[in-house]
Amino acid sequence: MKFRDENARNSLNIKIQTHPIRNLLNLELTPLAELISKPYYLHPIELDFNKRTVEIGMTDYTTSKFNGNYTLKYELWDLKAFVKYSFPIVGGKDFLFRSTQDREVPEFVKFVKISRTKDQLEIIYQTNHPKKELPEIIKRAIKNSTEKVIESIKSITSKIENDTSSFNKSLTKFTLDLMTERKEKIESEGQQTDEMNDF
């Protein structure tokens, strides 16, 4: 976010220094500052948890490691079932959501991975089960885990929303301060010119 902040402030500084003087002198500065800074706002990620899709499939994993001779040794795991929950991203698609691997892994599951694509957020469970048809006990464990993961994601997205709101407000304030400073400078220079014209 720091990189976005610096870029936005540099661009806004240029915009304000080249903004038409008549606008600065004749328009309300607060709504004008909001209008100018809005294109640089960050948009918090929004997810629709009611439109979830569930995919059950089979996958294998090839792992690599060094053996004693410092040469790569490949190991192929057997096919195991995975379960993938997908939730559409309905807003804030420009906002990153880092992939994570959940430490609270339910029984019968190798790992739980949370990641995002361009259009959706995914919760992927890699199970130890050798068949696509999962027993009820694994389904129930994954379902219960999913609800906990969703609550965790909601907490993260809530923090993102608060952070982006603070970021956007700071950009508007930065823009307003620049505009106020430039307006005062213009008015001061104009007053000095008028005083000189009196002579």
Protein backbone atom coordinates (compact mmCIF):
# COMPACT_ATOMS: atom_id res chain seq x y z
CA MET A 1 0.00 0.00 0.00
CA LYS A 2 2.96 2.31 0.62
CA PHE A 3 3.93 2.10 -3.07
CA ARG A 4 0.37 2.99 -4.13
CA ASP A 5 0.36 5.84 -1.61
CA GLU A 6 3.56 7.42 -2.95
CA ASN A 7 2.47 7.09 -6.58
CA ALA A 8 -0.96 8.54 -5.85
CA ARG A 9 0.44 11.51 -3.91
CA ASN A 10 2.99 12.30 -6.62
CA SER A 11 0.28 12.23 -9.30
CA LEU A 12 -2.12 14.30 -7.21
CA ASN A 13 0.57 16.88 -6.51
CA ILE A 14 1.10 17.35 -10.26
CA LYS A 15 -2.66 17.56 -10.86
CA ILE A 16 -3.17 20.23 -8.20
CA GLN A 17 -0.23 22.37 -9.35
CA THR A 18 -1.64 22.37 -12.90
CA HIS A 19 -5.33 22.60 -11.97
CA PRO A 20 -7.24 25.59 -13.45
CA ILE A 21 -6.96 28.60 -11.15
CA ARG A 22 -10.62 29.58 -11.68
CA ASN A 23 -11.73 26.26 -10.16
CA LEU A 24 -9.58 26.74 -7.09
CA LEU A 25 -10.88 30.27 -6.59
CA ASN A 26 -14.56 29.73 -7.40
CA LEU A 27 -15.49 26.16 -6.39
CA GLU A 28 -15.94 24.49 -3.02
CA LEU A 29 -12.62 22.80 -2.32
CA THR A 30 -13.81 19.79 -0.29
CA PRO A 31 -16.04 18.20 -2.97
CA LEU A 32 -13.45 19.14 -5.60
CA ALA A 33 -10.73 17.37 -3.60
CA GLU A 34 -12.91 14.25 -3.37
CA LEU A 35 -13.55 14.32 -7.11
CA ILE A 36 -9.87 14.69 -8.00
CA SER A 37 -8.57 12.09 -5.54
CA LYS A 38 -11.29 9.47 -6.24
CA PRO A 39 -9.53 7.85 -9.26
CA TYR A 40 -6.63 6.98 -6.92
CA TYR A 41 -8.78 5.33 -4.26
CA LEU A 42 -8.27 1.70 -3.31
CA HIS A 43 -11.37 -0.47 -3.41
CA PRO A 44 -11.79 -3.09 -0.67
CA ILE A 45 -12.33 -6.64 -1.85
CA GLU A 46 -15.99 -7.73 -1.73
CA LEU A 47 -17.02 -11.38 -1.75
CA ASP A 48 -20.42 -13.01 -2.20
CA PHE A 49 -20.43 -15.95 0.22
CA ASN A 50 -24.02 -16.84 -0.74
CA LYS A 51 -23.00 -17.81 -4.28
CA ARG A 52 -20.51 -20.51 -3.40
CA THR A 53 -19.67 -23.36 -5.74
CA VAL A 54 -18.15 -26.66 -4.64
CA GLU A 55 -15.91 -28.88 -6.75
CA ILE A 56 -14.68 -32.34 -5.77
CA GLY A 57 -11.90 -33.87 -7.83
CA MET A 58 -8.75 -35.95 -7.82
CA THR A 59 -5.21 -34.65 -7.96
CA ASP A 60 -1.65 -35.76 -7.43
CA TYR A 61 1.43 -33.91 -6.28
CA THR A 62 4.98 -34.26 -7.48
CA THR A 63 7.45 -33.25 -4.79
CA SER A 64 11.15 -32.70 -5.25
CA LYS A 65 14.00 -32.86 -2.78
CA PHE A 66 17.78 -33.28 -2.79
CA ASN A 67 19.17 -36.70 -2.07
CA GLY A 68 22.63 -37.35 -0.61
CA ASN A 69 24.39 -36.64 -3.93
CA TYR A 70 22.80 -33.19 -4.26
CA THR A 71 20.70 -34.31 -7.20
CA LEU A 72 16.96 -33.84 -7.37
CA LYS A 73 14.81 -36.77 -6.46
CA TYR A 74 11.15 -36.71 -7.46
CA GLU A 75 8.39 -38.41 -5.58
CA LEU A 76 4.88 -38.83 -6.98
CA TRP A 77 2.07 -38.99 -4.49
CA ASP A 78 -0.94 -41.18 -5.15
CA LEU A 79 -4.10 -39.56 -6.43
CA LYS A 80 -6.11 -38.06 -3.59
CA ALA A 81 -9.44 -36.27 -3.46
CA PHE A 82 -9.64 -32.50 -3.11
CA VAL A 83 -12.55 -30.21 -2.33
CA LYS A 84 -12.60 -26.64 -3.64
CA TYR A 85 -15.02 -23.96 -2.50
CA SER A 86 -15.18 -20.89 -4.74
CA PHE A 87 -16.73 -17.51 -3.93
CA PRO A 88 -17.16 -14.78 -6.57
CA ILE A 89 -15.38 -11.46 -6.09
CA VAL A 90 -18.04 -8.80 -6.71
CA GLY A 91 -15.92 -5.73 -5.95
CA GLY A 92 -12.38 -4.58 -5.35
CA LYS A 93 -10.95 -6.84 -8.04
CA ASP A 94 -7.78 -4.71 -8.17
CA PHE A 95 -7.07 -5.53 -4.54
CA LEU A 96 -4.68 -8.36 -3.67
CA PHE A 97 -5.56 -11.15 -1.28
CA ARG A 98 -2.47 -13.14 -0.42
CA SER A 99 -2.62 -16.90 -0.66
CA THR A 100 -2.32 -18.57 2.71
CA GLN A 101 -2.17 -22.08 4.05
CA ASP A 102 -4.42 -22.52 7.06
CA ARG A 103 -2.73 -24.06 10.09
CA GLU A 104 -5.96 -25.42 11.57
CA VAL A 105 -6.26 -28.47 9.37
CA PRO A 106 -9.26 -30.74 9.97
CA GLU A 107 -8.82 -34.47 10.35
CA PHE A 108 -8.37 -36.45 7.10
CA VAL A 109 -7.00 -33.35 5.33
CA LYS A 110 -3.35 -32.74 4.30
CA PHE A 111 -3.71 -28.97 4.07
CA VAL A 112 -6.16 -26.13 3.55
CA LYS A 113 -5.17 -23.44 1.05
CA ILE A 114 -6.84 -20.05 0.58
CA SER A 115 -6.06 -18.25 -2.67
CA ARG A 116 -7.63 -15.90 -5.17
CA THR A 117 -7.88 -15.80 -8.93
CA LYS A 118 -8.97 -12.82 -11.00
CA ASP A 119 -12.66 -13.37 -10.29
CA GLN A 120 -12.97 -15.57 -7.22
CA LEU A 121 -11.58 -16.57 -3.86
CA GLU A 122 -10.93 -20.26 -3.31
CA ILE A 123 -10.67 -22.52 -0.27
CA ILE A 124 -9.01 -25.79 -1.27
CA TYR A 125 -8.89 -28.89 0.91
CA GLN A 126 -6.38 -31.57 -0.09
CA THR A 127 -7.57 -34.76 1.57
CA ASN A 128 -5.92 -38.11 2.22
CA HIS A 129 -8.86 -39.97 0.70
CA PRO A 130 -8.10 -42.11 -2.40
CA LYS A 131 -11.57 -41.76 -3.97
CA LYS A 132 -13.65 -38.87 -5.27
CA GLU A 133 -16.64 -40.16 -3.30
CA LEU A 134 -15.95 -38.81 0.16
CA PRO A 135 -17.34 -40.46 3.28
CA GLU A 136 -19.78 -38.45 5.35
CA ILE A 137 -17.29 -37.91 8.18
CA ILE A 138 -14.84 -36.10 5.85
CA LYS A 139 -17.62 -34.05 4.24
CA ARG A 140 -18.81 -32.94 7.67
CA ALA A 141 -15.29 -32.07 8.84
CA ILE A 142 -14.66 -29.99 5.70
CA LYS A 143 -18.04 -28.26 5.94
CA ASN A 144 -17.43 -27.28 9.57
CA SER A 145 -13.91 -26.10 8.73
CA THR A 146 -15.22 -24.02 5.81
CA GLU A 147 -17.54 -22.04 8.06
CA LYS A 148 -14.59 -21.22 10.35
CA VAL A 149 -12.41 -20.23 7.38
CA ILE A 150 -15.19 -17.99 6.04
CA GLU A 151 -15.38 -16.18 9.38
CA SER A 152 -11.60 -15.72 9.27
CA ILE A 153 -11.81 -14.33 5.72
CA LYS A 154 -14.61 -11.96 6.75
CA SER A 155 -12.38 -10.67 9.55
CA ILE A 156 -9.53 -10.12 7.07
CA THR A 157 -11.75 -8.37 4.51
CA SER A 158 -13.19 -6.18 7.27
CA LYS A 159 -9.66 -5.06 8.16
CA ILE A 160 -8.93 -4.45 4.46
CA GLU A 161 -12.09 -2.33 4.26
CA ASN A 162 -10.99 -0.24 7.25
CA ASP A 163 -7.45 0.13 5.89
CA THR A 164 -8.63 1.21 2.44
CA SER A 165 -11.13 3.63 3.94
CA SER A 166 -8.33 5.28 5.95
CA PHE A 167 -6.10 5.30 2.86
CA ASN A 168 -8.79 6.97 0.72
CA LYS A 169 -9.57 9.58 3.37
CA SER A 170 -5.87 10.40 3.70
CA LEU A 171 -5.64 10.96 -0.07
CA THR A 172 -8.63 13.31 0.00
CA LYS A 173 -7.13 15.25 2.93
CA PHE A 174 -3.75 15.40 1.16
CA THR A 175 -5.46 16.76 -1.98
CA LEU A 176 -7.51 19.29 -0.01
CA ASP A 177 -4.41 20.53 1.83
CA LEU A 178 -2.55 21.01 -1.46
CA MET A 179 -5.49 22.86 -3.01
CA THR A 180 -5.91 25.10 0.03
CA GLU A 181 -2.20 25.91 0.03
CA ARG A 182 -2.19 26.73 -3.69
CA LYS A 183 -5.38 28.80 -3.43
CA GLU A 184 -3.93 30.86 -0.56
CA LYS A 185 -0.75 31.41 -2.56
CA ILE A 186 -2.73 32.54 -5.64
CA GLU A 187 -4.86 34.90 -3.56
CA SER A 188 -1.76 36.29 -1.82
CA GLU A 189 -0.01 36.91 -5.15
CA GLY A 190 -3.18 38.50 -6.53
CA GLN A 191 -3.44 40.84 -3.54
CA GLN A 192 0.20 41.89 -3.93
CA THR A 193 -0.44 42.63 -7.61
CA ASP A 194 -3.48 44.76 -6.72
CA GLU A 195 -1.47 46.72 -4.15
CA MET A 196 1.24 47.40 -6.74
CA ASN A 197 -1.41 48.60 -9.20
CA ASP A 198 -2.55 51.24 -6.67
CA PHE A 199 0.68 53.09 -7.35
